[in-house]
C-alpha cells in the first residue's frame, strides 16, 4: 500500500466558470421580494433599494440562465454533480456515481433546476472545496 494521496478526478467544467456561477448565484440569492411593484419613483430618489429586489425581468437571473444553458452537456453534468457533492449527497470517492446520476437525470431544464436549489452558491463552493479548489482568487479579480 502507498501513502501517496490520490489526485481528485478531473472536472469537465473550468473552475472559473463555476466561480462565475457562484458569484452570480449569490447576487441572485441576495435579492429580496419586490415591495413596490408599481413604483414610479426614480432609483436615485429611493436610494437604489429596488436593485436588491426580485423582479420578473431580473438581469442576474437572465445572465445565469444564459450562462448555464450555454454550457455543453459534460459541463452541465459536472455542475449538477458538484451541487450534489457540495450538499452532501456523496463524497469525492462517489464522484463517478454522482456524475452518472446527473447524466441520467439530465434534461433541458438544468438552469431552472439549479436556480431552484436553496444555497446553490454555497453547495457549489463546497463541491469545489472537495476537489481542493476555491473561488478566492476569482473573487479577488472579479469583485
Protein backbone atom coordinates (compact mmCIF):
# COMPACT_ATOMS: atom_id res chain seq x y z
CA UNK A 1 0.00 0.00 0.00
CA UNK A 2 1.14 3.51 -0.77
CA UNK A 3 0.71 6.62 1.35
CA UNK A 4 0.55 8.80 -1.76
CA UNK A 5 -2.51 10.99 -1.90
CA UNK A 6 -4.90 10.25 -4.70
CA UNK A 7 -5.48 13.14 -7.11
CA UNK A 8 -9.11 14.19 -7.38
CA UNK A 9 -10.84 13.38 -10.67
CA UNK A 10 -10.72 15.94 -13.45
CA UNK A 11 -13.62 18.33 -13.88
CA UNK A 12 -15.18 18.87 -17.31
CA UNK A 13 -16.08 22.43 -16.29
CA UNK A 14 -13.44 25.09 -15.67
CA UNK A 15 -13.15 26.35 -12.09
CA UNK A 16 -13.57 29.96 -13.27
CA UNK A 17 -16.89 29.05 -14.88
CA UNK A 18 -18.15 27.52 -11.63
CA UNK A 19 -16.89 30.57 -9.73
CA UNK A 20 -18.75 32.88 -12.12
CA UNK A 21 -21.95 30.95 -11.42
CA UNK A 22 -21.27 31.10 -7.66
CA UNK A 23 -20.81 34.89 -7.72
CA UNK A 24 -23.94 35.43 -9.82
CA UNK A 25 -25.95 32.95 -7.70
CA UNK A 26 -25.01 34.92 -4.57
CA UNK A 27 -26.27 38.10 -6.25
CA UNK A 28 -29.47 36.32 -7.24
CA UNK A 29 -29.99 34.79 -3.78
CA UNK A 30 -29.32 38.13 -2.08
CA UNK A 31 -32.42 39.71 -3.56
CA UNK A 32 -35.50 40.47 -1.52
CA UNK A 33 -39.15 40.34 -2.54
CA UNK A 34 -40.45 43.28 -4.52
CA UNK A 35 -42.05 45.76 -2.12
CA UNK A 36 -43.47 48.33 -4.52
CA UNK A 37 -44.20 46.82 -7.95
CA UNK A 38 -45.85 49.97 -9.30
CA UNK A 39 -43.29 52.44 -8.07
CA UNK A 40 -42.95 55.47 -10.28
CA UNK A 41 -40.02 56.89 -8.38
CA UNK A 42 -36.55 57.38 -9.68
CA UNK A 43 -33.99 54.87 -8.35
CA UNK A 44 -31.90 57.81 -7.13
CA UNK A 45 -34.85 59.04 -5.08
CA UNK A 46 -35.29 55.78 -3.21
CA UNK A 47 -31.60 55.17 -2.62
CA UNK A 48 -31.41 52.49 -5.30
CA UNK A 49 -33.08 49.99 -2.97
CA UNK A 50 -35.11 48.44 -5.82
CA UNK A 51 -31.98 46.87 -7.34
CA UNK A 52 -31.94 44.48 -4.38
CA UNK A 53 -35.50 43.36 -5.04
CA UNK A 54 -36.56 40.34 -7.06
CA UNK A 55 -38.17 41.35 -10.36
CA UNK A 56 -39.65 39.27 -13.18
CA UNK A 57 -37.15 40.79 -15.61
CA UNK A 58 -34.12 40.21 -13.38
CA UNK A 59 -30.93 40.59 -15.43
CA UNK A 60 -28.92 38.49 -12.96
CA UNK A 61 -31.31 35.58 -13.36
CA UNK A 62 -31.30 36.02 -17.13
CA UNK A 63 -27.50 36.04 -17.17
CA UNK A 64 -27.31 32.88 -15.04
CA UNK A 65 -29.81 31.05 -17.22
CA UNK A 66 -27.99 32.04 -20.41
CA UNK A 67 -24.60 31.11 -18.96
CA UNK A 68 -25.76 27.67 -17.75
CA UNK A 69 -27.63 26.92 -20.98
CA UNK A 70 -24.51 27.80 -23.00
CA UNK A 71 -22.52 25.10 -21.20
CA UNK A 72 -22.05 21.84 -23.04
CA UNK A 73 -23.58 18.63 -21.70
CA UNK A 74 -20.45 17.49 -19.83
CA UNK A 75 -20.11 20.87 -18.13
CA UNK A 76 -23.77 20.85 -17.08
CA UNK A 77 -23.42 17.30 -15.74
CA UNK A 78 -20.37 18.30 -13.67
CA UNK A 79 -22.17 21.39 -12.39
CA UNK A 80 -25.11 19.34 -11.12
CA UNK A 81 -22.76 16.71 -9.66
CA UNK A 82 -20.79 19.48 -7.90
CA UNK A 83 -24.03 20.76 -6.37
CA UNK A 84 -24.87 17.28 -5.11
CA UNK A 85 -21.33 16.73 -3.81
CA UNK A 86 -21.41 20.08 -2.02
CA UNK A 87 -24.73 19.44 -0.33
CA UNK A 88 -23.51 16.08 0.95
CA UNK A 89 -25.17 13.61 -1.40
CA UNK A 90 -21.82 11.83 -1.66
CA UNK A 91 -18.10 12.16 -1.13
CA UNK A 92 -15.32 12.79 -3.63
CA UNK A 93 -14.95 8.99 -3.83
CA UNK A 94 -18.54 8.91 -5.17
CA UNK A 95 -17.78 11.42 -7.93
CA UNK A 96 -18.22 8.96 -10.80
CA UNK A 97 -21.58 7.82 -9.39
CA UNK A 98 -22.74 11.42 -8.86
CA UNK A 99 -21.81 12.23 -12.46
CA UNK A 100 -23.60 9.14 -13.75
CA UNK A 101 -26.74 10.09 -11.82
CA UNK A 102 -26.51 13.68 -13.09
CA UNK A 103 -26.11 12.45 -16.66
CA UNK A 104 -29.05 10.05 -16.32
CA UNK A 105 -31.34 12.76 -14.96
CA UNK A 106 -30.14 15.49 -17.35
CA UNK A 107 -32.79 17.31 -19.35
CA UNK A 108 -33.35 20.70 -20.92
CA UNK A 109 -34.24 22.29 -17.57
CA UNK A 110 -30.80 22.27 -15.94
CA UNK A 111 -30.73 26.03 -15.40
CA UNK A 112 -34.20 26.03 -13.80
CA UNK A 113 -33.22 23.09 -11.60
CA UNK A 114 -30.03 24.78 -10.42
CA UNK A 115 -31.63 28.18 -9.81
CA UNK A 116 -34.34 26.48 -7.79
CA UNK A 117 -31.82 25.00 -5.37
CA UNK A 118 -31.52 26.70 -1.99
CA UNK A 119 -27.92 27.60 -1.16
CA UNK A 120 -26.78 26.94 -4.74
CA UNK A 121 -23.66 29.11 -4.38
CA UNK A 122 -22.68 27.53 -1.05
CA UNK A 123 -23.16 23.99 -2.32
CA UNK A 124 -21.15 24.64 -5.48
CA UNK A 125 -18.37 26.21 -3.39
CA UNK A 126 -18.38 23.19 -1.07
CA UNK A 127 -18.28 20.89 -4.09
CA UNK A 128 -15.22 22.72 -5.42
CA UNK A 129 -13.66 22.52 -1.98
CA UNK A 130 -13.92 18.72 -2.10
CA UNK A 131 -11.63 18.95 -5.15
CA UNK A 132 -9.22 21.22 -3.27
CA UNK A 133 -10.39 24.22 -5.31
CA UNK A 134 -11.81 27.60 -4.31
CA UNK A 135 -13.04 30.83 -5.83
CA UNK A 136 -10.89 33.06 -3.64
CA UNK A 137 -8.62 34.25 -6.47
CA UNK A 138 -11.56 34.58 -8.89
CA UNK A 139 -13.48 36.73 -6.41
CA UNK A 140 -10.44 38.96 -5.82
CA UNK A 141 -10.13 39.55 -9.57
CA UNK A 142 -13.83 39.93 -10.36
CA UNK A 143 -15.44 41.67 -7.39
